[in-house]
């Protein structure tokens, strides 16, 4: 299992947050539901239980079909997603700043 991320640490380690964490991290790319479940470290059944909410609130959008697989990606035009991306980026920036400020305090 993938170790926790600062995004999940801050917002909670729920299945929806895991999916959003993965999709925000890899924004711009589209994935099948199987790939989303696997990369989010959640089960297939759990993904299907939450998927309708993500579609209902237009947080994800259908992009294309490859064979029988339907591909989806993060809806970066959605206002809520835009705000979550800002939160994600700010958390990452803060964590990076902490890391580098610790390194600079180490005596040479």
PDB file of N, CA and C in Angstrom:
ATOM      1  N   UNK A   1       0.839  -1.190   0.000  1.00  0.00           N
ATOM      2  CA  UNK A   1       0.000   0.000   0.000  1.00  0.00           C
ATOM      3  C   UNK A   1       0.881   1.249   0.000  1.00  0.00           C
ATOM      4  N   UNK A   2       0.457   2.242  -0.747  1.00  0.00           N
ATOM      5  CA  UNK A   2       1.160   3.507  -0.863  1.00  0.00           C
ATOM      6  C   UNK A   2       1.131   4.228   0.479  1.00  0.00           C
ATOM      7  N   UNK A   3       2.256   4.838   0.855  1.00  0.00           N
ATOM      8  CA  UNK A   3       2.251   5.580   2.107  1.00  0.00           C
ATOM      9  C   UNK A   3       1.352   6.799   1.970  1.00  0.00           C
ATOM     10  N   UNK A   4       0.957   7.374   3.100  1.00  0.00           N
ATOM     11  CA  UNK A   4       0.024   8.491   3.071  1.00  0.00           C
ATOM     12  C   UNK A   4       0.664   9.730   2.451  1.00  0.00           C
ATOM     13  N   UNK A   5      -0.169  10.607   1.950  1.00  0.00           N
ATOM     14  CA  UNK A   5       0.297  11.856   1.363  1.00  0.00           C
ATOM     15  C   UNK A   5      -0.127  13.002   2.275  1.00  0.00           C
ATOM     16  N   UNK A   6       0.462  14.164   2.085  1.00  0.00           N
ATOM     17  CA  UNK A   6       0.097  15.329   2.884  1.00  0.00           C
ATOM     18  C   UNK A   6      -1.362  15.705   2.637  1.00  0.00           C
ATOM     19  N   UNK A   7      -1.857  15.510   1.419  1.00  0.00           N
ATOM     20  CA  UNK A   7      -3.250  15.802   1.081  1.00  0.00           C
ATOM     21  C   UNK A   7      -4.189  14.917   1.891  1.00  0.00           C
ATOM     22  N   UNK A   8      -3.911  13.624   1.924  1.00  0.00           N
ATOM     23  CA  UNK A   8      -4.747  12.687   2.693  1.00  0.00           C
ATOM     24  C   UNK A   8      -4.592  12.915   4.182  1.00  0.00           C
ATOM     25  N   UNK A   9      -3.410  13.282   4.612  1.00  0.00           N
ATOM     26  CA  UNK A   9      -3.181  13.548   6.025  1.00  0.00           C
ATOM     27  C   UNK A   9      -4.025  14.743   6.477  1.00  0.00           C
ATOM     28  N   UNK A  10      -4.113  15.763   5.637  1.00  0.00           N
ATOM     29  CA  UNK A  10      -4.849  16.976   5.982  1.00  0.00           C
ATOM     30  C   UNK A  10      -6.363  16.809   5.861  1.00  0.00           C
ATOM     31  N   UNK A  11      -6.821  16.101   4.834  1.00  0.00           N
ATOM     32  CA  UNK A  11      -8.258  16.015   4.561  1.00  0.00           C
ATOM     33  C   UNK A  11      -8.910  14.715   4.996  1.00  0.00           C
ATOM     34  N   UNK A  12      -8.117  13.757   5.440  1.00  0.00           N
ATOM     35  CA  UNK A  12      -8.666  12.476   5.867  1.00  0.00           C
ATOM     36  C   UNK A  12      -8.400  11.405   4.828  1.00  0.00           C
ATOM     37  N   UNK A  13      -8.346  10.188   5.285  1.00  0.00           N
ATOM     38  CA  UNK A  13      -7.978   9.081   4.404  1.00  0.00           C
ATOM     39  C   UNK A  13      -9.215   8.287   3.984  1.00  0.00           C
ATOM     40  N   UNK A  14     -10.162   8.982   3.354  1.00  0.00           N
ATOM     41  CA  UNK A  14     -11.377   8.324   2.879  1.00  0.00           C
ATOM     42  C   UNK A  14     -11.193   7.900   1.425  1.00  0.00           C
ATOM     43  N   UNK A  15     -12.036   7.001   0.943  1.00  0.00           N
ATOM     44  CA  UNK A  15     -11.918   6.578  -0.457  1.00  0.00           C
ATOM     45  C   UNK A  15     -12.025   7.740  -1.458  1.00  0.00           C
ATOM     46  N   UNK A  16     -12.937   8.687  -1.207  1.00  0.00           N
ATOM     47  CA  UNK A  16     -13.077   9.815  -2.138  1.00  0.00           C
ATOM     48  C   UNK A  16     -11.811  10.660  -2.146  1.00  0.00           C
ATOM     49  N   UNK A  17     -11.244  10.909  -0.985  1.00  0.00           N
ATOM     50  CA  UNK A  17     -10.010  11.699  -0.903  1.00  0.00           C
ATOM     51  C   UNK A  17      -8.868  10.947  -1.580  1.00  0.00           C
ATOM     52  N   UNK A  18      -8.823   9.627  -1.436  1.00  0.00           N
ATOM     53  CA  UNK A  18      -7.775   8.841  -2.116  1.00  0.00           C
ATOM     54  C   UNK A  18      -7.883   8.982  -3.638  1.00  0.00           C
ATOM     55  N   UNK A  19      -9.109   8.899  -4.159  1.00  0.00           N
ATOM     56  CA  UNK A  19      -9.316   9.035  -5.604  1.00  0.00           C
ATOM     57  C   UNK A  19      -8.934  10.442  -6.052  1.00  0.00           C
ATOM     58  N   UNK A  20      -9.403  11.457  -5.332  1.00  0.00           N
ATOM     59  CA  UNK A  20      -9.074  12.837  -5.697  1.00  0.00           C
ATOM     60  C   UNK A  20      -7.577  13.093  -5.589  1.00  0.00           C
ATOM     61  N   UNK A  21      -6.946  12.542  -4.580  1.00  0.00           N
ATOM     62  CA  UNK A  21      -5.496  12.683  -4.409  1.00  0.00           C
ATOM     63  C   UNK A  21      -4.766  12.137  -5.643  1.00  0.00           C
ATOM     64  N   UNK A  22      -5.141  10.941  -6.060  1.00  0.00           N
ATOM     65  CA  UNK A  22      -4.511  10.342  -7.235  1.00  0.00           C
ATOM     66  C   UNK A  22      -4.771  11.164  -8.493  1.00  0.00           C
ATOM     67  N   UNK A  23      -6.029  11.564  -8.699  1.00  0.00           N
ATOM     68  CA  UNK A  23      -6.373  12.292  -9.926  1.00  0.00           C
ATOM     69  C   UNK A  23      -5.767  13.696  -9.953  1.00  0.00           C
ATOM     70  N   UNK A  24      -5.667  14.342  -8.798  1.00  0.00           N
ATOM     71  CA  UNK A  24      -5.034  15.666  -8.760  1.00  0.00           C
ATOM     72  C   UNK A  24      -3.546  15.534  -9.032  1.00  0.00           C
ATOM     73  N   UNK A  25      -2.928  14.534  -8.432  1.00  0.00           N
ATOM     74  CA  UNK A  25      -1.496  14.319  -8.643  1.00  0.00           C
ATOM     75  C   UNK A  25      -1.192  14.063 -10.122  1.00  0.00           C
ATOM     76  N   UNK A  26      -2.083  13.365 -10.802  1.00  0.00           N
ATOM     77  CA  UNK A  26      -1.854  13.027 -12.207  1.00  0.00           C
ATOM     78  C   UNK A  26      -2.823  13.778 -13.117  1.00  0.00           C
ATOM     79  N   UNK A  27      -3.140  15.011 -12.735  1.00  0.00           N
ATOM     80  CA  UNK A  27      -4.117  15.798 -13.505  1.00  0.00           C
ATOM     81  C   UNK A  27      -3.714  15.928 -14.965  1.00  0.00           C
ATOM     82  N   UNK A  28      -4.722  15.979 -15.796  1.00  0.00           N
ATOM     83  CA  UNK A  28      -4.488  16.084 -17.227  1.00  0.00           C
ATOM     84  C   UNK A  28      -4.486  14.744 -17.939  1.00  0.00           C
ATOM     85  N   UNK A  29      -4.328  13.665 -17.194  1.00  0.00           N
ATOM     86  CA  UNK A  29      -4.305  12.325 -17.789  1.00  0.00           C
ATOM     87  C   UNK A  29      -5.642  11.634 -17.515  1.00  0.00           C
ATOM     88  N   UNK A  30      -6.024  10.740 -18.413  1.00  0.00           N
ATOM     89  CA  UNK A  30      -7.266   9.997 -18.195  1.00  0.00           C
ATOM     90  C   UNK A  30      -6.968   8.536 -17.889  1.00  0.00           C
ATOM     91  N   UNK A  31      -7.886   7.931 -17.133  1.00  0.00           N
ATOM     92  CA  UNK A  31      -7.689   6.573 -16.627  1.00  0.00           C
ATOM     93  C   UNK A  31      -8.976   5.779 -16.684  1.00  0.00           C
ATOM     94  N   UNK A  32      -8.812   4.465 -16.774  1.00  0.00           N
ATOM     95  CA  UNK A  32      -9.962   3.568 -16.645  1.00  0.00           C
ATOM     96  C   UNK A  32     -10.314   3.456 -15.168  1.00  0.00           C
ATOM     97  N   UNK A  33     -11.508   2.970 -14.884  1.00  0.00           N
ATOM     98  CA  UNK A  33     -11.907   2.786 -13.488  1.00  0.00           C
ATOM     99  C   UNK A  33     -10.982   1.809 -12.777  1.00  0.00           C
ATOM    100  N   UNK A  34     -10.541   0.775 -13.470  1.00  0.00           N
ATOM    101  CA  UNK A  34      -9.608  -0.191 -12.869  1.00  0.00           C
ATOM    102  C   UNK A  34      -8.313   0.492 -12.456  1.00  0.00           C
ATOM    103  N   UNK A  35      -7.783   1.342 -13.343  1.00  0.00           N
ATOM    104  CA  UNK A  35      -6.552   2.062 -13.028  1.00  0.00           C
ATOM    105  C   UNK A  35      -6.747   3.020 -11.854  1.00  0.00           C
ATOM    106  N   UNK A  36      -7.895   3.684 -11.814  1.00  0.00           N
ATOM    107  CA  UNK A  36      -8.175   4.622 -10.719  1.00  0.00           C
ATOM    108  C   UNK A  36      -8.252   3.875  -9.394  1.00  0.00           C
ATOM    109  N   UNK A  37      -8.949   2.742  -9.374  1.00  0.00           N
ATOM    110  CA  UNK A  37      -9.062   1.953  -8.143  1.00  0.00           C
ATOM    111  C   UNK A  37      -7.684   1.481  -7.686  1.00  0.00           C
ATOM    112  N   UNK A  38      -6.911   0.930  -8.609  1.00  0.00           N
ATOM    113  CA  UNK A  38      -5.589   0.406  -8.267  1.00  0.00           C
ATOM    114  C   UNK A  38      -4.651   1.504  -7.759  1.00  0.00           C
ATOM    115  N   UNK A  39      -4.589   2.619  -8.468  1.00  0.00           N
ATOM    116  CA  UNK A  39      -3.667   3.695  -8.099  1.00  0.00           C
ATOM    117  C   UNK A  39      -4.122   4.490  -6.885  1.00  0.00           C
ATOM    118  N   UNK A  40      -5.400   4.378  -6.538  1.00  0.00           N
ATOM    119  CA  UNK A  40      -5.916   5.039  -5.342  1.00  0.00           C
ATOM    120  C   UNK A  40      -5.874   4.116  -4.133  1.00  0.00           C
ATOM    121  N   UNK A  41      -5.462   2.879  -4.356  1.00  0.00           N
ATOM    122  CA  UNK A  41      -5.400   1.865  -3.294  1.00  0.00           C
ATOM    123  C   UNK A  41      -6.760   1.641  -2.628  1.00  0.00           C
ATOM    124  N   UNK A  42      -7.793   1.556  -3.469  1.00  0.00           N
ATOM    125  CA  UNK A  42      -9.119   1.208  -2.954  1.00  0.00           C
ATOM    126  C   UNK A  42      -9.663   0.058  -3.797  1.00  0.00           C
ATOM    127  N   UNK A  43     -10.613  -0.642  -3.244  1.00  0.00           N
ATOM    128  CA  UNK A  43     -11.199  -1.777  -3.940  1.00  0.00           C
ATOM    129  C   UNK A  43     -12.175  -1.347  -5.025  1.00  0.00           C
ATOM    130  N   UNK A  44     -12.397  -2.266  -5.950  1.00  0.00           N
ATOM    131  CA  UNK A  44     -13.306  -2.047  -7.070  1.00  0.00           C
ATOM    132  C   UNK A  44     -14.714  -1.710  -6.570  1.00  0.00           C
ATOM    133  N   UNK A  45     -15.208  -2.458  -5.590  1.00  0.00           N
ATOM    134  CA  UNK A  45     -16.548  -2.242  -5.044  1.00  0.00           C
ATOM    135  C   UNK A  45     -16.649  -0.866  -4.400  1.00  0.00           C
ATOM    136  N   UNK A  46     -15.627  -0.484  -3.671  1.00  0.00           N
ATOM    137  CA  UNK A  46     -15.613   0.828  -3.028  1.00  0.00           C
ATOM    138  C   UNK A  46     -15.639   1.938  -4.069  1.00  0.00           C
ATOM    139  N   UNK A  47     -14.869   1.784  -5.131  1.00  0.00           N
ATOM    140  CA  UNK A  47     -14.860   2.798  -6.190  1.00  0.00           C
ATOM    141  C   UNK A  47     -16.255   2.934  -6.793  1.00  0.00           C
ATOM    142  N   UNK A  48     -16.907   1.822  -7.064  1.00  0.00           N
ATOM    143  CA  UNK A  48     -18.245   1.888  -7.653  1.00  0.00           C
ATOM    144  C   UNK A  48     -19.249   2.523  -6.698  1.00  0.00           C
ATOM    145  N   UNK A  49     -19.035   2.344  -5.407  1.00  0.00           N
ATOM    146  CA  UNK A  49     -19.937   2.934  -4.407  1.00  0.00           C
ATOM    147  C   UNK A  49     -19.833   4.462  -4.396  1.00  0.00           C
ATOM    148  N   UNK A  50     -18.642   5.015  -4.652  1.00  0.00           N
ATOM    149  CA  UNK A  50     -18.447   6.467  -4.589  1.00  0.00           C
ATOM    150  C   UNK A  50     -18.459   7.148  -5.961  1.00  0.00           C
ATOM    151  N   UNK A  51     -18.333   6.369  -7.026  1.00  0.00           N
ATOM    152  CA  UNK A  51     -18.152   6.936  -8.370  1.00  0.00           C
ATOM    153  C   UNK A  51     -19.314   7.834  -8.792  1.00  0.00           C
ATOM    154  N   UNK A  52     -20.543   7.418  -8.474  1.00  0.00           N
ATOM    155  CA  UNK A  52     -21.703   8.219  -8.867  1.00  0.00           C
ATOM    156  C   UNK A  52     -21.667   9.614  -8.244  1.00  0.00           C
ATOM    157  N   UNK A  53     -21.156   9.729  -7.019  1.00  0.00           N
ATOM    158  CA  UNK A  53     -21.030  11.049  -6.379  1.00  0.00           C
ATOM    159  C   UNK A  53     -20.046  11.921  -7.146  1.00  0.00           C
ATOM    160  N   UNK A  54     -18.925  11.337  -7.536  1.00  0.00           N
ATOM    161  CA  UNK A  54     -17.919  12.101  -8.279  1.00  0.00           C
ATOM    162  C   UNK A  54     -18.475  12.565  -9.620  1.00  0.00           C
ATOM    163  N   UNK A  55     -19.274  11.737 -10.265  1.00  0.00           N
ATOM    164  CA  UNK A  55     -19.917  12.122 -11.525  1.00  0.00           C
ATOM    165  C   UNK A  55     -21.021  13.161 -11.293  1.00  0.00           C
ATOM    166  N   UNK A  56     -21.831  12.939 -10.266  1.00  0.00           N
ATOM    167  CA  UNK A  56     -22.945  13.841  -9.959  1.00  0.00           C
ATOM    168  C   UNK A  56     -22.463  15.270  -9.733  1.00  0.00           C
ATOM    169  N   UNK A  57     -21.376  15.416  -8.990  1.00  0.00           N
ATOM    170  CA  UNK A  57     -20.838  16.738  -8.691  1.00  0.00           C
ATOM    171  C   UNK A  57     -19.840  17.216  -9.743  1.00  0.00           C
ATOM    172  N   UNK A  58     -19.771  16.465 -10.848  1.00  0.00           N
ATOM    173  CA  UNK A  58     -18.934  16.803 -12.000  1.00  0.00           C
ATOM    174  C   UNK A  58     -17.470  17.021 -11.623  1.00  0.00           C
ATOM    175  N   UNK A  59     -16.994  16.195 -10.696  1.00  0.00           N
ATOM    176  CA  UNK A  59     -15.590  16.254 -10.290  1.00  0.00           C
ATOM    177  C   UNK A  59     -14.709  15.472 -11.258  1.00  0.00           C
ATOM    178  N   UNK A  60     -15.308  14.513 -11.939  1.00  0.00           N
ATOM    179  CA  UNK A  60     -14.625  13.746 -12.980  1.00  0.00           C
ATOM    180  C   UNK A  60     -15.469  13.801 -14.242  1.00  0.00           C
ATOM    181  N   UNK A  61     -14.815  13.652 -15.372  1.00  0.00           N
ATOM    182  CA  UNK A  61     -15.525  13.670 -16.651  1.00  0.00           C
ATOM    183  C   UNK A  61     -15.058  12.507 -17.512  1.00  0.00           C
ATOM    184  N   UNK A  62     -15.984  11.997 -18.289  1.00  0.00           N
ATOM    185  CA  UNK A  62     -15.680  10.957 -19.269  1.00  0.00           C
ATOM    186  C   UNK A  62     -14.860  11.599 -20.385  1.00  0.00           C
ATOM    187  N   UNK A  63     -13.805  10.901 -20.844  1.00  0.00           N
ATOM    188  CA  UNK A  63     -12.978  11.451 -21.921  1.00  0.00           C
ATOM    189  C   UNK A  63     -13.094  10.649 -23.213  1.00  0.00           C
ATOM    190  N   UNK A  64     -13.032   9.306 -23.098  1.00  0.00           N
ATOM    191  CA  UNK A  64     -13.051   8.490 -24.307  1.00  0.00           C
ATOM    192  C   UNK A  64     -13.198   7.017 -23.944  1.00  0.00           C
ATOM    193  N   UNK A  65     -13.349   6.208 -24.976  1.00  0.00           N
ATOM    194  CA  UNK A  65     -13.389   4.756 -24.794  1.00  0.00           C
ATOM    195  C   UNK A  65     -12.246   4.136 -25.566  1.00  0.00           C
ATOM    196  N   UNK A  66     -11.606   3.155 -24.944  1.00  0.00           N
ATOM    197  CA  UNK A  66     -10.590   2.350 -25.623  1.00  0.00           C
ATOM    198  C   UNK A  66     -11.066   0.914 -25.483  1.00  0.00           C
ATOM    199  N   UNK A  67     -11.529   0.343 -26.575  1.00  0.00           N
ATOM    200  CA  UNK A  67     -12.135  -0.979 -26.502  1.00  0.00           C
ATOM    201  C   UNK A  67     -13.386  -0.885 -25.652  1.00  0.00           C
ATOM    202  N   UNK A  68     -13.461  -1.710 -24.611  1.00  0.00           N
ATOM    203  CA  UNK A  68     -14.607  -1.666 -23.702  1.00  0.00           C
ATOM    204  C   UNK A  68     -14.370  -0.756 -22.503  1.00  0.00           C
ATOM    205  N   UNK A  69     -13.149  -0.280 -22.351  1.00  0.00           N
ATOM    206  CA  UNK A  69     -12.812   0.545 -21.182  1.00  0.00           C
ATOM    207  C   UNK A  69     -13.206   2.001 -21.409  1.00  0.00           C
ATOM    208  N   UNK A  70     -13.911   2.571 -20.448  1.00  0.00           N
ATOM    209  CA  UNK A  70     -14.239   3.995 -20.459  1.00  0.00           C
ATOM    210  C   UNK A  70     -13.183   4.713 -19.628  1.00  0.00           C
ATOM    211  N   UNK A  71     -12.686   5.805 -20.161  1.00  0.00           N
ATOM    212  CA  UNK A  71     -11.646   6.573 -19.462  1.00  0.00           C
ATOM    213  C   UNK A  71     -12.213   7.884 -18.939  1.00  0.00           C
ATOM    214  N   UNK A  72     -11.711   8.265 -17.777  1.00  0.00           N
ATOM    215  CA  UNK A  72     -12.158   9.471 -17.094  1.00  0.00           C
ATOM    216  C   UNK A  72     -10.946  10.253 -16.619  1.00  0.00           C
ATOM    217  N   UNK A  73     -11.175  11.553 -16.380  1.00  0.00           N
ATOM    218  CA  UNK A  73     -10.128  12.371 -15.786  1.00  0.00           C
ATOM    219  C   UNK A  73     -10.762  13.396 -14.876  1.00  0.00           C
ATOM    220  N   UNK A  74      -9.919  14.047 -14.103  1.00  0.00           N
ATOM    221  CA  UNK A  74     -10.340  15.113 -13.207  1.00  0.00           C
ATOM    222  C   UNK A  74     -10.942  16.246 -14.031  1.00  0.00           C
ATOM    223  N   UNK A  75     -12.047  16.799 -13.580  1.00  0.00           N
ATOM    224  CA  UNK A  75     -12.681  17.918 -14.278  1.00  0.00           C
ATOM    225  C   UNK A  75     -12.073  19.221 -13.752  1.00  0.00           C
ATOM    226  N   UNK A  76     -11.024  19.671 -14.383  1.00  0.00           N
ATOM    227  CA  UNK A  76     -10.311  20.862 -13.921  1.00  0.00           C
ATOM    228  C   UNK A  76     -11.072  22.156 -14.181  1.00  0.00           C
ATOM    229  N   UNK A  77     -12.219  22.072 -14.851  1.00  0.00           N
ATOM    230  CA  UNK A  77     -13.063  23.249 -15.061  1.00  0.00           C
ATOM    231  C   UNK A  77     -14.039  23.453 -13.905  1.00  0.00           C
ATOM    232  N   UNK A  78     -14.219  22.422 -13.086  1.00  0.00           N
ATOM    233  CA  UNK A  78     -15.123  22.456 -11.944  1.00  0.00           C
ATOM    234  C   UNK A  78     -14.535  23.357 -10.856  1.00  0.00           C
ATOM    235  N   UNK A  79     -15.338  24.284 -10.332  1.00  0.00           N
ATOM    236  CA  UNK A  79     -14.849  25.231  -9.326  1.00  0.00           C
ATOM    237  C   UNK A  79     -14.309  24.516  -8.084  1.00  0.00           C
ATOM    238  N   UNK A  80     -15.025  23.530  -7.598  1.00  0.00           N
ATOM    239  CA  UNK A  80     -14.580  22.794  -6.404  1.00  0.00           C
ATOM    240  C   UNK A  80     -13.244  22.120  -6.653  1.00  0.00           C
ATOM    241  N   UNK A  81     -13.073  21.525  -7.820  1.00  0.00           N
ATOM    242  CA  UNK A  81     -11.810  20.870  -8.161  1.00  0.00           C
ATOM    243  C   UNK A  81     -10.698  21.908  -8.242  1.00  0.00           C
ATOM    244  N   UNK A  82     -10.978  23.067  -8.835  1.00  0.00           N
ATOM    245  CA  UNK A  82      -9.973  24.138  -8.885  1.00  0.00           C
ATOM    246  C   UNK A  82      -9.500  24.500  -7.485  1.00  0.00           C
ATOM    247  N   UNK A  83     -10.435  24.597  -6.559  1.00  0.00           N
ATOM    248  CA  UNK A  83     -10.092  24.939  -5.172  1.00  0.00           C
ATOM    249  C   UNK A  83      -9.320  23.800  -4.503  1.00  0.00           C
ATOM    250  N   UNK A  84      -9.708  22.553  -4.768  1.00  0.00           N
ATOM    251  CA  UNK A  84      -8.976  21.413  -4.199  1.00  0.00           C
ATOM    252  C   UNK A  84      -7.546  21.344  -4.747  1.00  0.00           C
ATOM    253  N   UNK A  85      -7.374  21.694  -6.007  1.00  0.00           N
ATOM    254  CA  UNK A  85      -6.026  21.729  -6.589  1.00  0.00           C
ATOM    255  C   UNK A  85      -5.184  22.790  -5.876  1.00  0.00           C
ATOM    256  N   UNK A  86      -5.793  23.940  -5.570  1.00  0.00           N
ATOM    257  CA  UNK A  86      -5.075  24.985  -4.827  1.00  0.00           C
ATOM    258  C   UNK A  86      -4.659  24.469  -3.441  1.00  0.00           C
ATOM    259  N   UNK A  87      -5.585  23.787  -2.773  1.00  0.00           N
ATOM    260  CA  UNK A  87      -5.279  23.210  -1.453  1.00  0.00           C
ATOM    261  C   UNK A  87      -4.140  22.204  -1.585  1.00  0.00           C
ATOM    262  N   UNK A  88      -4.247  21.322  -2.562  1.00  0.00           N
ATOM    263  CA  UNK A  88      -3.215  20.304  -2.810  1.00  0.00           C
ATOM    264  C   UNK A  88      -1.853  20.967  -3.026  1.00  0.00           C
ATOM    265  N   UNK A  89      -1.816  21.951  -3.929  1.00  0.00           N
ATOM    266  CA  UNK A  89      -0.557  22.621  -4.246  1.00  0.00           C
ATOM    267  C   UNK A  89       0.002  23.384  -3.045  1.00  0.00           C
ATOM    268  N   UNK A  90      -0.888  24.040  -2.278  1.00  0.00           N
ATOM    269  CA  UNK A  90      -0.430  24.769  -1.088  1.00  0.00           C
ATOM    270  C   UNK A  90       0.125  23.830  -0.025  1.00  0.00           C
ATOM    271  N   UNK A  91      -0.547  22.706   0.196  1.00  0.00           N
ATOM    272  CA  UNK A  91      -0.055  21.726   1.169  1.00  0.00           C
ATOM    273  C   UNK A  91       1.311  21.190   0.746  1.00  0.00           C
ATOM    274  N   UNK A  92       1.444  20.891  -0.528  1.00  0.00           N
ATOM    275  CA  UNK A  92       2.712  20.391  -1.053  1.00  0.00           C
ATOM    276  C   UNK A  92       3.812  21.437  -0.897  1.00  0.00           C
ATOM    277  N   UNK A  93       3.490  22.681  -1.198  1.00  0.00           N
ATOM    278  CA  UNK A  93       4.452  23.779  -1.069  1.00  0.00           C
ATOM    279  C   UNK A  93       4.896  23.940   0.391  1.00  0.00           C
ATOM    280  N   UNK A  94       3.926  23.941   1.319  1.00  0.00           N
ATOM    281  CA  UNK A  94       4.250  24.083   2.742  1.00  0.00           C
ATOM    282  C   UNK A  94       5.148  22.941   3.222  1.00  0.00           C
ATOM    283  N   UNK A  95       4.827  21.739   2.801  1.00  0.00           N
ATOM    284  CA  UNK A  95       5.609  20.579   3.214  1.00  0.00           C
ATOM    285  C   UNK A  95       7.027  20.651   2.648  1.00  0.00           C
ATOM    286  N   UNK A  96       7.135  21.092   1.407  1.00  0.00           N
ATOM    287  CA  UNK A  96       8.453  21.243   0.779  1.00  0.00           C
ATOM    288  C   UNK A  96       9.265  22.316   1.494  1.00  0.00           C
ATOM    289  N   UNK A  97       8.625  23.429   1.815  1.00  0.00           N
ATOM    290  CA  UNK A  97       9.303  24.512   2.538  1.00  0.00           C
ATOM    291  C   UNK A  97       9.815  24.025   3.893  1.00  0.00           C
ATOM    292  N   UNK A  98       8.993  23.262   4.616  1.00  0.00           N
ATOM    293  CA  UNK A  98       9.410  22.704   5.905  1.00  0.00           C
ATOM    294  C   UNK A  98      10.638  21.825   5.729  1.00  0.00           C
ATOM    295  N   UNK A  99      10.598  20.979   4.719  1.00  0.00           N
ATOM    296  CA  UNK A  99      11.703  20.049   4.466  1.00  0.00           C
ATOM    297  C   UNK A  99      12.999  20.804   4.199  1.00  0.00           C
ATOM    298  N   UNK A 100      12.938  21.808   3.333  1.00  0.00           N
ATOM    299  CA  UNK A 100      14.154  22.541   2.986  1.00  0.00           C
ATOM    300  C   UNK A 100      14.618  23.454   4.108  1.00  0.00           C
ATOM    301  N   UNK A 101      13.703  23.957   4.937  1.00  0.00           N
ATOM    302  CA  UNK A 101      14.139  24.798   6.054  1.00  0.00           C
ATOM    303  C   UNK A 101      14.824  23.934   7.113  1.00  0.00           C
ATOM    304  N   UNK A 102      14.398  22.675   7.271  1.00  0.00           N
ATOM    305  CA  UNK A 102      15.078  21.760   8.192  1.00  0.00           C
ATOM    306  C   UNK A 102      16.490  21.470   7.708  1.00  0.00           C
ATOM    307  N   UNK A 103      16.630  21.255   6.389  1.00  0.00           N
ATOM    308  CA  UNK A 103      17.950  20.967   5.808  1.00  0.00           C
ATOM    309  C   UNK A 103      18.897  22.139   6.001  1.00  0.00           C
ATOM    310  N   UNK A 104      18.395  23.366   5.875  1.00  0.00           N
ATOM    311  CA  UNK A 104      19.270  24.534   5.977  1.00  0.00           C
ATOM    312  C   UNK A 104      19.715  24.788   7.407  1.00  0.00           C
ATOM    313  N   UNK A 105      19.005  24.216   8.400  1.00  0.00           N
ATOM    314  CA  UNK A 105      19.378  24.386   9.808  1.00  0.00           C
ATOM    315  C   UNK A 105      20.416  23.371  10.274  1.00  0.00           C
ATOM    316  N   UNK A 106      20.703  22.371   9.457  1.00  0.00           N
ATOM    317  CA  UNK A 106      21.698  21.360   9.811  1.00  0.00           C
ATOM    318  C   UNK A 106      23.086  21.981   9.688  1.00  0.00           C
ATOM    319  N   UNK A 107      23.892  21.919  10.776  1.00  0.00           N
ATOM    320  CA  UNK A 107      25.232  22.529  10.710  1.00  0.00           C
ATOM    321  C   UNK A 107      26.125  21.811   9.703  1.00  0.00           C
ATOM    322  N   UNK A 108      26.936  22.585   9.023  1.00  0.00           N
ATOM    323  CA  UNK A 108      27.825  22.036   7.997  1.00  0.00           C
ATOM    324  C   UNK A 108      29.105  21.508   8.584  1.00  0.00           C
TER     325      UNK A 108
END
